[in-house]
Amino acid sequence: GIFEPGSLTPVLDVEVSGVGDAFIAEWIRVIRERTGVKRVM
């Protein structure tokens, strides 16, 4: 139920090298496309 209304916006946890701006931008696009949520953290 983490994508349901009333839940916290889904979060991408970035802590390791090799995960950078391009990865994050693509993540935001794909998670919105797959779930319909607009807010991402």
PDB file of all heavy atoms in Angstrom:
ATOM      1  N   GLY A   1       0.778  -1.236   0.000  1.00  0.00           N
ATOM      2  CA  GLY A   1       0.000   0.000   0.000  1.00  0.00           C
ATOM      3  C   GLY A   1       0.807   1.282   0.000  1.00  0.00           C
ATOM      4  O   GLY A   1       0.261   2.352   0.288  1.00  0.00           O
ATOM      5  N   ILE A   2       2.089   1.211  -0.339  1.00  0.00           N
ATOM      6  CA  ILE A   2       2.919   2.413  -0.205  1.00  0.00           C
ATOM      7  C   ILE A   2       2.672   3.461  -1.292  1.00  0.00           C
ATOM      8  O   ILE A   2       3.156   4.590  -1.169  1.00  0.00           O
ATOM      9  CB  ILE A   2       4.422   2.080  -0.135  1.00  0.00           C
ATOM     10  CG1 ILE A   2       4.912   1.476  -1.451  1.00  0.00           C
ATOM     11  CG2 ILE A   2       4.716   1.173   1.043  1.00  0.00           C
ATOM     12  CD1 ILE A   2       6.427   1.387  -1.551  1.00  0.00           C
ATOM     13  N   PHE A   3       1.925   3.103  -2.320  1.00  0.00           N
ATOM     14  CA  PHE A   3       1.626   4.085  -3.366  1.00  0.00           C
ATOM     15  C   PHE A   3       0.195   4.621  -3.253  1.00  0.00           C
ATOM     16  O   PHE A   3      -0.264   5.365  -4.115  1.00  0.00           O
ATOM     17  CB  PHE A   3       1.863   3.468  -4.752  1.00  0.00           C
ATOM     18  CG  PHE A   3       3.251   2.908  -4.914  1.00  0.00           C
ATOM     19  CD1 PHE A   3       3.458   1.538  -5.005  1.00  0.00           C
ATOM     20  CD2 PHE A   3       4.364   3.747  -4.942  1.00  0.00           C
ATOM     21  CE1 PHE A   3       4.734   1.022  -5.138  1.00  0.00           C
ATOM     22  CE2 PHE A   3       5.642   3.235  -5.070  1.00  0.00           C
ATOM     23  CZ  PHE A   3       5.837   1.865  -5.167  1.00  0.00           C
ATOM     24  N   GLU A   4      -0.473   4.236  -2.181  1.00  0.00           N
ATOM     25  CA  GLU A   4      -1.855   4.669  -1.974  1.00  0.00           C
ATOM     26  C   GLU A   4      -1.897   6.075  -1.374  1.00  0.00           C
ATOM     27  O   GLU A   4      -0.967   6.509  -0.706  1.00  0.00           O
ATOM     28  CB  GLU A   4      -2.572   3.696  -1.031  1.00  0.00           C
ATOM     29  CG  GLU A   4      -2.714   2.289  -1.565  1.00  0.00           C
ATOM     30  CD  GLU A   4      -3.557   2.223  -2.824  1.00  0.00           C
ATOM     31  OE1 GLU A   4      -4.593   2.912  -2.879  1.00  0.00           O
ATOM     32  OE2 GLU A   4      -3.161   1.499  -3.757  1.00  0.00           O
ATOM     33  N   PRO A   5      -3.010   6.803  -1.602  1.00  0.00           N
ATOM     34  CA  PRO A   5      -3.161   8.125  -0.975  1.00  0.00           C
ATOM     35  C   PRO A   5      -3.018   8.036   0.542  1.00  0.00           C
ATOM     36  O   PRO A   5      -3.511   7.093   1.160  1.00  0.00           O
ATOM     37  CB  PRO A   5      -4.582   8.527  -1.374  1.00  0.00           C
ATOM     38  CG  PRO A   5      -4.851   7.785  -2.641  1.00  0.00           C
ATOM     39  CD  PRO A   5      -4.142   6.474  -2.491  1.00  0.00           C
ATOM     40  N   GLY A   6      -2.321   8.997   1.124  1.00  0.00           N
ATOM     41  CA  GLY A   6      -2.097   9.013   2.560  1.00  0.00           C
ATOM     42  C   GLY A   6      -0.779   8.411   2.986  1.00  0.00           C
ATOM     43  O   GLY A   6      -0.354   8.587   4.131  1.00  0.00           O
ATOM     44  N   SER A   7      -0.132   7.684   2.067  1.00  0.00           N
ATOM     45  CA  SER A   7       1.209   7.179   2.354  1.00  0.00           C
ATOM     46  C   SER A   7       2.241   8.254   2.029  1.00  0.00           C
ATOM     47  O   SER A   7       1.982   9.161   1.240  1.00  0.00           O
ATOM     48  CB  SER A   7       1.505   5.924   1.527  1.00  0.00           C
ATOM     49  OG  SER A   7       0.754   4.818   1.974  1.00  0.00           O
ATOM     50  N   LEU A   8       3.420   8.132   2.633  1.00  0.00           N
ATOM     51  CA  LEU A   8       4.520   9.028   2.295  1.00  0.00           C
ATOM     52  C   LEU A   8       4.936   8.801   0.845  1.00  0.00           C
ATOM     53  O   LEU A   8       4.903   7.667   0.354  1.00  0.00           O
ATOM     54  CB  LEU A   8       5.721   8.775   3.200  1.00  0.00           C
ATOM     55  CG  LEU A   8       5.866   9.573   4.499  1.00  0.00           C
ATOM     56  CD1 LEU A   8       6.186  11.024   4.226  1.00  0.00           C
ATOM     57  CD2 LEU A   8       4.663   9.418   5.373  1.00  0.00           C
ATOM     58  N   THR A   9       5.331   9.857   0.199  1.00  0.00           N
ATOM     59  CA  THR A   9       5.808   9.756  -1.167  1.00  0.00           C
ATOM     60  C   THR A   9       6.965   8.754  -1.268  1.00  0.00           C
ATOM     61  O   THR A   9       7.787   8.673  -0.351  1.00  0.00           O
ATOM     62  CB  THR A   9       6.247  11.142  -1.670  1.00  0.00           C
ATOM     63  OG1 THR A   9       6.730  11.034  -2.990  1.00  0.00           O
ATOM     64  CG2 THR A   9       7.337  11.713  -0.804  1.00  0.00           C
ATOM     65  N   PRO A  10       7.040   7.969  -2.336  1.00  0.00           N
ATOM     66  CA  PRO A  10       8.112   6.978  -2.450  1.00  0.00           C
ATOM     67  C   PRO A  10       9.486   7.637  -2.500  1.00  0.00           C
ATOM     68  O   PRO A  10       9.654   8.712  -3.077  1.00  0.00           O
ATOM     69  CB  PRO A  10       7.790   6.243  -3.753  1.00  0.00           C
ATOM     70  CG  PRO A  10       6.848   7.125  -4.501  1.00  0.00           C
ATOM     71  CD  PRO A  10       6.110   7.913  -3.475  1.00  0.00           C
ATOM     72  N   VAL A  11      10.449   6.965  -1.883  1.00  0.00           N
ATOM     73  CA  VAL A  11      11.786   7.530  -1.726  1.00  0.00           C
ATOM     74  C   VAL A  11      12.826   6.672  -2.437  1.00  0.00           C
ATOM     75  O   VAL A  11      12.798   5.441  -2.360  1.00  0.00           O
ATOM     76  CB  VAL A  11      12.157   7.623  -0.232  1.00  0.00           C
ATOM     77  CG1 VAL A  11      13.584   8.157  -0.056  1.00  0.00           C
ATOM     78  CG2 VAL A  11      11.167   8.500   0.517  1.00  0.00           C
ATOM     79  N   LEU A  12      13.767   7.347  -3.097  1.00  0.00           N
ATOM     80  CA  LEU A  12      14.958   6.702  -3.632  1.00  0.00           C
ATOM     81  C   LEU A  12      16.116   7.038  -2.706  1.00  0.00           C
ATOM     82  O   LEU A  12      16.441   8.210  -2.490  1.00  0.00           O
ATOM     83  CB  LEU A  12      15.257   7.206  -5.050  1.00  0.00           C
ATOM     84  CG  LEU A  12      16.489   6.576  -5.710  1.00  0.00           C
ATOM     85  CD1 LEU A  12      16.261   5.083  -5.961  1.00  0.00           C
ATOM     86  CD2 LEU A  12      16.830   7.301  -7.019  1.00  0.00           C
ATOM     87  N   ASP A  13      16.740   6.016  -2.139  1.00  0.00           N
ATOM     88  CA  ASP A  13      17.841   6.157  -1.182  1.00  0.00           C
ATOM     89  C   ASP A  13      19.158   6.055  -1.950  1.00  0.00           C
ATOM     90  O   ASP A  13      19.510   4.994  -2.468  1.00  0.00           O
ATOM     91  CB  ASP A  13      17.701   5.041  -0.141  1.00  0.00           C
ATOM     92  CG  ASP A  13      18.766   5.074   0.929  1.00  0.00           C
ATOM     93  OD1 ASP A  13      19.728   5.861   0.812  1.00  0.00           O
ATOM     94  OD2 ASP A  13      18.643   4.303   1.895  1.00  0.00           O
ATOM     95  N   VAL A  14      19.876   7.173  -2.025  1.00  0.00           N
ATOM     96  CA  VAL A  14      21.117   7.239  -2.797  1.00  0.00           C
ATOM     97  C   VAL A  14      22.298   7.327  -1.838  1.00  0.00           C
ATOM     98  O   VAL A  14      22.479   8.340  -1.153  1.00  0.00           O
ATOM     99  CB  VAL A  14      21.107   8.455  -3.752  1.00  0.00           C
ATOM    100  CG1 VAL A  14      22.423   8.550  -4.521  1.00  0.00           C
ATOM    101  CG2 VAL A  14      19.924   8.369  -4.713  1.00  0.00           C
ATOM    102  N   GLU A  15      23.092   6.254  -1.785  1.00  0.00           N
ATOM    103  CA  GLU A  15      24.203   6.205  -0.838  1.00  0.00           C
ATOM    104  C   GLU A  15      25.488   5.648  -1.427  1.00  0.00           C
ATOM    105  O   GLU A  15      26.534   5.709  -0.766  1.00  0.00           O
ATOM    106  CB  GLU A  15      23.828   5.355   0.387  1.00  0.00           C
ATOM    107  CG  GLU A  15      22.661   5.873   1.193  1.00  0.00           C
ATOM    108  CD  GLU A  15      22.462   5.107   2.492  1.00  0.00           C
ATOM    109  OE1 GLU A  15      23.467   4.744   3.135  1.00  0.00           O
ATOM    110  OE2 GLU A  15      21.294   4.865   2.861  1.00  0.00           O
ATOM    111  N   VAL A  16      25.435   5.083  -2.642  1.00  0.00           N
ATOM    112  CA  VAL A  16      26.625   4.418  -3.181  1.00  0.00           C
ATOM    113  C   VAL A  16      27.054   5.056  -4.493  1.00  0.00           C
ATOM    114  O   VAL A  16      26.228   5.584  -5.257  1.00  0.00           O
ATOM    115  CB  VAL A  16      26.374   2.903  -3.388  1.00  0.00           C
ATOM    116  CG1 VAL A  16      26.087   2.217  -2.067  1.00  0.00           C
ATOM    117  CG2 VAL A  16      25.242   2.657  -4.372  1.00  0.00           C
ATOM    118  N   SER A  17      28.353   5.009  -4.750  1.00  0.00           N
ATOM    119  CA  SER A  17      28.863   5.553  -6.004  1.00  0.00           C
ATOM    120  C   SER A  17      28.315   4.751  -7.171  1.00  0.00           C
ATOM    121  O   SER A  17      28.024   3.562  -7.042  1.00  0.00           O
ATOM    122  CB  SER A  17      30.391   5.529  -6.008  1.00  0.00           C
ATOM    123  OG  SER A  17      30.870   4.213  -5.847  1.00  0.00           O
ATOM    124  N   GLY A  18      28.164   5.413  -8.286  1.00  0.00           N
ATOM    125  CA  GLY A  18      27.576   4.771  -9.454  1.00  0.00           C
ATOM    126  C   GLY A  18      26.100   5.047  -9.597  1.00  0.00           C
ATOM    127  O   GLY A  18      25.491   4.680 -10.604  1.00  0.00           O
ATOM    128  N   VAL A  19      25.513   5.695  -8.588  1.00  0.00           N
ATOM    129  CA  VAL A  19      24.120   6.152  -8.669  1.00  0.00           C
ATOM    130  C   VAL A  19      24.168   7.675  -8.667  1.00  0.00           C
ATOM    131  O   VAL A  19      24.479   8.288  -7.637  1.00  0.00           O
ATOM    132  CB  VAL A  19      23.275   5.641  -7.489  1.00  0.00           C
ATOM    133  CG1 VAL A  19      21.852   6.182  -7.581  1.00  0.00           C
ATOM    134  CG2 VAL A  19      23.269   4.119  -7.453  1.00  0.00           C
ATOM    135  N   GLY A  20      23.891   8.263  -9.828  1.00  0.00           N
ATOM    136  CA  GLY A  20      24.035   9.706  -9.955  1.00  0.00           C
ATOM    137  C   GLY A  20      22.814  10.369 -10.564  1.00  0.00           C
ATOM    138  O   GLY A  20      21.702   9.834 -10.522  1.00  0.00           O
ATOM    139  N   ASP A  21      23.043  11.533 -11.149  1.00  0.00           N
ATOM    140  CA  ASP A  21      21.933  12.348 -11.647  1.00  0.00           C
ATOM    141  C   ASP A  21      21.114  11.649 -12.726  1.00  0.00           C
ATOM    142  O   ASP A  21      19.885  11.729 -12.718  1.00  0.00           O
ATOM    143  CB  ASP A  21      22.474  13.674 -12.188  1.00  0.00           C
ATOM    144  CG  ASP A  21      23.095  14.537 -11.103  1.00  0.00           C
ATOM    145  OD1 ASP A  21      22.408  14.809 -10.097  1.00  0.00           O
ATOM    146  OD2 ASP A  21      24.263  14.937 -11.254  1.00  0.00           O
ATOM    147  N   ALA A  22      21.787  10.985 -13.659  1.00  0.00           N
ATOM    148  CA  ALA A  22      21.053  10.321 -14.740  1.00  0.00           C
ATOM    149  C   ALA A  22      20.166   9.206 -14.195  1.00  0.00           C
ATOM    150  O   ALA A  22      19.017   9.035 -14.623  1.00  0.00           O
ATOM    151  CB  ALA A  22      22.027   9.772 -15.775  1.00  0.00           C
ATOM    152  N   PHE A  23      20.699   8.437 -13.251  1.00  0.00           N
ATOM    153  CA  PHE A  23      19.928   7.370 -12.622  1.00  0.00           C
ATOM    154  C   PHE A  23      18.693   7.958 -11.948  1.00  0.00           C
ATOM    155  O   PHE A  23      17.568   7.456 -12.110  1.00  0.00           O
ATOM    156  CB  PHE A  23      20.804   6.650 -11.594  1.00  0.00           C
ATOM    157  CG  PHE A  23      20.171   5.451 -10.935  1.00  0.00           C
ATOM    158  CD1 PHE A  23      20.582   4.171 -11.256  1.00  0.00           C
ATOM    159  CD2 PHE A  23      19.165   5.592  -9.965  1.00  0.00           C
ATOM    160  CE1 PHE A  23      20.011   3.056 -10.636  1.00  0.00           C
ATOM    161  CE2 PHE A  23      18.594   4.495  -9.350  1.00  0.00           C
ATOM    162  CZ  PHE A  23      19.018   3.225  -9.687  1.00  0.00           C
ATOM    163  N   ILE A  24      18.893   9.026 -11.176  1.00  0.00           N
ATOM    164  CA  ILE A  24      17.788   9.622 -10.423  1.00  0.00           C
ATOM    165  C   ILE A  24      16.714  10.172 -11.364  1.00  0.00           C
ATOM    166  O   ILE A  24      15.514   9.953 -11.143  1.00  0.00           O
ATOM    167  CB  ILE A  24      18.308  10.723  -9.484  1.00  0.00           C
ATOM    168  CG1 ILE A  24      19.222  10.115  -8.412  1.00  0.00           C
ATOM    169  CG2 ILE A  24      17.147  11.462  -8.827  1.00  0.00           C
ATOM    170  CD1 ILE A  24      19.997  11.147  -7.612  1.00  0.00           C
ATOM    171  N   ALA A  25      17.130  10.874 -12.398  1.00  0.00           N
ATOM    172  CA  ALA A  25      16.164  11.437 -13.345  1.00  0.00           C
ATOM    173  C   ALA A  25      15.326  10.343 -13.987  1.00  0.00           C
ATOM    174  O   ALA A  25      14.103  10.485 -14.152  1.00  0.00           O
ATOM    175  CB  ALA A  25      16.894  12.257 -14.410  1.00  0.00           C
ATOM    176  N   GLU A  26      15.975   9.252 -14.350  1.00  0.00           N
ATOM    177  CA  GLU A  26      15.253   8.133 -14.964  1.00  0.00           C
ATOM    178  C   GLU A  26      14.323   7.470 -13.944  1.00  0.00           C
ATOM    179  O   GLU A  26      13.185   7.092 -14.263  1.00  0.00           O
ATOM    180  CB  GLU A  26      16.259   7.120 -15.515  1.00  0.00           C
ATOM    181  CG  GLU A  26      15.633   5.896 -16.172  1.00  0.00           C
ATOM    182  CD  GLU A  26      15.013   6.182 -17.534  1.00  0.00           C
ATOM    183  OE1 GLU A  26      14.947   7.341 -17.955  1.00  0.00           O
ATOM    184  OE2 GLU A  26      14.591   5.204 -18.180  1.00  0.00           O
ATOM    185  N   TRP A  27      14.797   7.329 -12.714  1.00  0.00           N
ATOM    186  CA  TRP A  27      13.970   6.750 -11.653  1.00  0.00           C
ATOM    187  C   TRP A  27      12.682   7.555 -11.483  1.00  0.00           C
ATOM    188  O   TRP A  27      11.588   6.989 -11.401  1.00  0.00           O
ATOM    189  CB  TRP A  27      14.747   6.706 -10.342  1.00  0.00           C
ATOM    190  CG  TRP A  27      13.910   6.376  -9.146  1.00  0.00           C
ATOM    191  CD1 TRP A  27      13.170   7.229  -8.403  1.00  0.00           C
ATOM    192  CD2 TRP A  27      13.687   5.075  -8.589  1.00  0.00           C
ATOM    193  NE1 TRP A  27      12.517   6.554  -7.399  1.00  0.00           N
ATOM    194  CE2 TRP A  27      12.815   5.240  -7.494  1.00  0.00           C
ATOM    195  CE3 TRP A  27      14.155   3.808  -8.898  1.00  0.00           C
ATOM    196  CZ2 TRP A  27      12.405   4.157  -6.720  1.00  0.00           C
ATOM    197  CZ3 TRP A  27      13.745   2.740  -8.126  1.00  0.00           C
ATOM    198  CH2 TRP A  27      12.876   2.915  -7.050  1.00  0.00           C
ATOM    199  N   ILE A  28      12.809   8.857 -11.398  1.00  0.00           N
ATOM    200  CA  ILE A  28      11.644   9.725 -11.203  1.00  0.00           C
ATOM    201  C   ILE A  28      10.648   9.531 -12.345  1.00  0.00           C
ATOM    202  O   ILE A  28       9.441   9.396 -12.120  1.00  0.00           O
ATOM    203  CB  ILE A  28      12.085  11.195 -11.081  1.00  0.00           C
ATOM    204  CG1 ILE A  28      12.868  11.406  -9.782  1.00  0.00           C
ATOM    205  CG2 ILE A  28      10.878  12.131 -11.134  1.00  0.00           C
ATOM    206  CD1 ILE A  28      13.598  12.735  -9.712  1.00  0.00           C
ATOM    207  N   ARG A  29      11.158   9.507 -13.560  1.00  0.00           N
ATOM    208  CA  ARG A  29      10.275   9.339 -14.718  1.00  0.00           C
ATOM    209  C   ARG A  29       9.561   7.997 -14.689  1.00  0.00           C
ATOM    210  O   ARG A  29       8.333   7.917 -14.870  1.00  0.00           O
ATOM    211  CB  ARG A  29      11.090   9.465 -16.017  1.00  0.00           C
ATOM    212  CG  ARG A  29      10.239   9.400 -17.283  1.00  0.00           C
ATOM    213  CD  ARG A  29      11.102   9.344 -18.528  1.00  0.00           C
ATOM    214  NE  ARG A  29      11.826   8.091 -18.664  1.00  0.00           N
ATOM    215  CZ  ARG A  29      11.279   6.955 -19.106  1.00  0.00           C
ATOM    216  NH1 ARG A  29       9.981   6.924 -19.448  1.00  0.00           N
ATOM    217  NH2 ARG A  29      12.003   5.866 -19.225  1.00  0.00           N
ATOM    218  N   VAL A  30      10.306   6.930 -14.423  1.00  0.00           N
ATOM    219  CA  VAL A  30       9.736   5.582 -14.502  1.00  0.00           C
ATOM    220  C   VAL A  30       8.789   5.310 -13.332  1.00  0.00           C
ATOM    221  O   VAL A  30       7.719   4.715 -13.513  1.00  0.00           O
ATOM    222  CB  VAL A  30      10.858   4.523 -14.580  1.00  0.00           C
ATOM    223  CG1 VAL A  30      10.265   3.117 -14.587  1.00  0.00           C
ATOM    224  CG2 VAL A  30      11.704   4.748 -15.819  1.00  0.00           C
ATOM    225  N   ILE A  31       9.142   5.738 -12.112  1.00  0.00           N
ATOM    226  CA  ILE A  31       8.265   5.476 -10.961  1.00  0.00           C
ATOM    227  C   ILE A  31       6.933   6.199 -11.138  1.00  0.00           C
ATOM    228  O   ILE A  31       5.873   5.674 -10.802  1.00  0.00           O
ATOM    229  CB  ILE A  31       8.951   5.853  -9.622  1.00  0.00           C
ATOM    230  CG1 ILE A  31       8.217   5.209  -8.434  1.00  0.00           C
ATOM    231  CG2 ILE A  31       9.022   7.349  -9.406  1.00  0.00           C
ATOM    232  CD1 ILE A  31       8.562   3.819  -8.155  1.00  0.00           C
ATOM    233  N   ARG A  32       6.963   7.401 -11.692  1.00  0.00           N
ATOM    234  CA  ARG A  32       5.718   8.125 -11.955  1.00  0.00           C
ATOM    235  C   ARG A  32       4.891   7.408 -13.016  1.00  0.00           C
ATOM    236  O   ARG A  32       3.672   7.287 -12.890  1.00  0.00           O
ATOM    237  CB  ARG A  32       6.035   9.553 -12.402  1.00  0.00           C
ATOM    238  CG  ARG A  32       6.469  10.475 -11.270  1.00  0.00           C
ATOM    239  CD  ARG A  32       6.955  11.804 -11.788  1.00  0.00           C
ATOM    240  NE  ARG A  32       7.019  12.809 -10.713  1.00  0.00           N
ATOM    241  CZ  ARG A  32       7.590  13.986 -10.839  1.00  0.00           C
ATOM    242  NH1 ARG A  32       8.170  14.324 -11.988  1.00  0.00           N
ATOM    243  NH2 ARG A  32       7.594  14.844  -9.826  1.00  0.00           N
ATOM    244  N   GLU A  33       5.561   6.933 -14.026  1.00  0.00           N
ATOM    245  CA  GLU A  33       4.869   6.232 -15.111  1.00  0.00           C
ATOM    246  C   GLU A  33       4.225   4.940 -14.615  1.00  0.00           C
ATOM    247  O   GLU A  33       3.083   4.613 -14.966  1.00  0.00           O
ATOM    248  CB  GLU A  33       5.884   5.934 -16.215  1.00  0.00           C
ATOM    249  CG  GLU A  33       5.345   5.236 -17.428  1.00  0.00           C
ATOM    250  CD  GLU A  33       6.468   4.971 -18.420  1.00  0.00           C
ATOM    251  OE1 GLU A  33       6.775   5.865 -19.225  1.00  0.00           O
ATOM    252  OE2 GLU A  33       7.061   3.867 -18.364  1.00  0.00           O
ATOM    253  N   ARG A  34       4.936   4.206 -13.772  1.00  0.00           N
ATOM    254  CA  ARG A  34       4.464   2.898 -13.312  1.00  0.00           C
ATOM    255  C   ARG A  34       3.372   2.997 -12.246  1.00  0.00           C
ATOM    256  O   ARG A  34       2.514   2.112 -12.167  1.00  0.00           O
ATOM    257  CB  ARG A  34       5.641   2.093 -12.747  1.00  0.00           C
ATOM    258  CG  ARG A  34       6.667   1.692 -13.774  1.00  0.00           C
ATOM    259  CD  ARG A  34       6.204   0.523 -14.631  1.00  0.00           C
ATOM    260  NE  ARG A  34       7.197   0.156 -15.602  1.00  0.00           N
ATOM    261  CZ  ARG A  34       8.182  -0.715 -15.380  1.00  0.00           C
ATOM    262  NH1 ARG A  34       8.298  -1.305 -14.206  1.00  0.00           N
ATOM    263  NH2 ARG A  34       9.039  -0.998 -16.333  1.00  0.00           N
ATOM    264  N   THR A  35       3.429   4.029 -11.410  1.00  0.00           N
ATOM    265  CA  THR A  35       2.537   4.079 -10.251  1.00  0.00           C
ATOM    266  C   THR A  35       1.479   5.172 -10.323  1.00  0.00           C
ATOM    267  O   THR A  35       0.476   5.113  -9.599  1.00  0.00           O
ATOM    268  CB  THR A  35       3.340   4.305  -8.952  1.00  0.00           C
ATOM    269  OG1 THR A  35       3.955   5.606  -9.009  1.00  0.00           O
ATOM    270  CG2 THR A  35       4.411   3.239  -8.783  1.00  0.00           C
ATOM    271  N   GLY A  36       1.715   6.190 -11.143  1.00  0.00           N
ATOM    272  CA  GLY A  36       0.793   7.319 -11.185  1.00  0.00           C
ATOM    273  C   GLY A  36       1.018   8.333 -10.083  1.00  0.00           C
ATOM    274  O   GLY A  36       0.340   9.367 -10.044  1.00  0.00           O
ATOM    275  N   VAL A  37       1.958   8.071  -9.152  1.00  0.00           N
ATOM    276  CA  VAL A  37       2.248   9.064  -8.117  1.00  0.00           C
ATOM    277  C   VAL A  37       3.036  10.208  -8.749  1.00  0.00           C
ATOM    278  O   VAL A  37       3.812  10.008  -9.672  1.00  0.00           O
ATOM    279  CB  VAL A  37       3.029   8.470  -6.928  1.00  0.00           C
ATOM    280  CG1 VAL A  37       2.261   7.354  -6.268  1.00  0.00           C
ATOM    281  CG2 VAL A  37       4.412   8.010  -7.342  1.00  0.00           C
ATOM    282  N   LYS A  38       2.793  11.411  -8.270  1.00  0.00           N
ATOM    283  CA  LYS A  38       3.490  12.580  -8.811  1.00  0.00           C
ATOM    284  C   LYS A  38       4.623  13.030  -7.908  1.00  0.00           C
ATOM    285  O   LYS A  38       5.590  13.625  -8.361  1.00  0.00           O
ATOM    286  CB  LYS A  38       2.497  13.735  -8.998  1.00  0.00           C
ATOM    287  CG  LYS A  38       1.366  13.411  -9.968  1.00  0.00           C
ATOM    288  CD  LYS A  38       1.889  12.971 -11.325  1.00  0.00           C
ATOM    289  CE  LYS A  38       0.761  12.634 -12.278  1.00  0.00           C
ATOM    290  NZ  LYS A  38       1.250  11.928 -13.480  1.00  0.00           N
ATOM    291  N   ARG A  39       4.476  12.788  -6.608  1.00  0.00           N
ATOM    292  CA  ARG A  39       5.492  13.235  -5.665  1.00  0.00           C
ATOM    293  C   ARG A  39       6.514  12.129  -5.430  1.00  0.00           C
ATOM    294  O   ARG A  39       6.150  10.977  -5.214  1.00  0.00           O
ATOM    295  CB  ARG A  39       4.844  13.650  -4.341  1.00  0.00           C
ATOM    296  CG  ARG A  39       3.931  14.856  -4.496  1.00  0.00           C
ATOM    297  CD  ARG A  39       3.225  15.202  -3.205  1.00  0.00           C
ATOM    298  NE  ARG A  39       2.440  16.437  -3.345  1.00  0.00           N
ATOM    299  CZ  ARG A  39       1.711  16.981  -2.391  1.00  0.00           C
ATOM    300  NH1 ARG A  39       1.658  16.409  -1.203  1.00  0.00           N
ATOM    301  NH2 ARG A  39       1.043  18.090  -2.603  1.00  0.00           N
ATOM    302  N   VAL A  40       7.766  12.513  -5.471  1.00  0.00           N
ATOM    303  CA  VAL A  40       8.875  11.576  -5.299  1.00  0.00           C
ATOM    304  C   VAL A  40       9.921  12.255  -4.425  1.00  0.00           C
ATOM    305  O   VAL A  40      10.113  13.475  -4.513  1.00  0.00           O
ATOM    306  CB  VAL A  40       9.498  11.190  -6.667  1.00  0.00           C
ATOM    307  CG1 VAL A  40      10.606  10.171  -6.488  1.00  0.00           C
ATOM    308  CG2 VAL A  40       8.436  10.663  -7.619  1.00  0.00           C
ATOM    309  N   MET A  41      10.590  11.486  -3.584  1.00  0.00           N
ATOM    310  CA  MET A  41      11.632  12.051  -2.722  1.00  0.00           C
ATOM    311  C   MET A  41      12.951  11.310  -2.950  1.00  0.00           C
ATOM    312  O   MET A  41      12.960  10.107  -3.217  1.00  0.00           O
ATOM    313  CB  MET A  41      11.207  11.975  -1.255  1.00  0.00           C
ATOM    314  CG  MET A  41      12.099  12.737  -0.316  1.00  0.00           C
ATOM    315  SD  MET A  41      11.252  13.324   1.199  1.00  0.00           S
ATOM    316  CE  MET A  41      10.397  11.852   1.758  1.00  0.00           C
TER     317      MET A  41
END
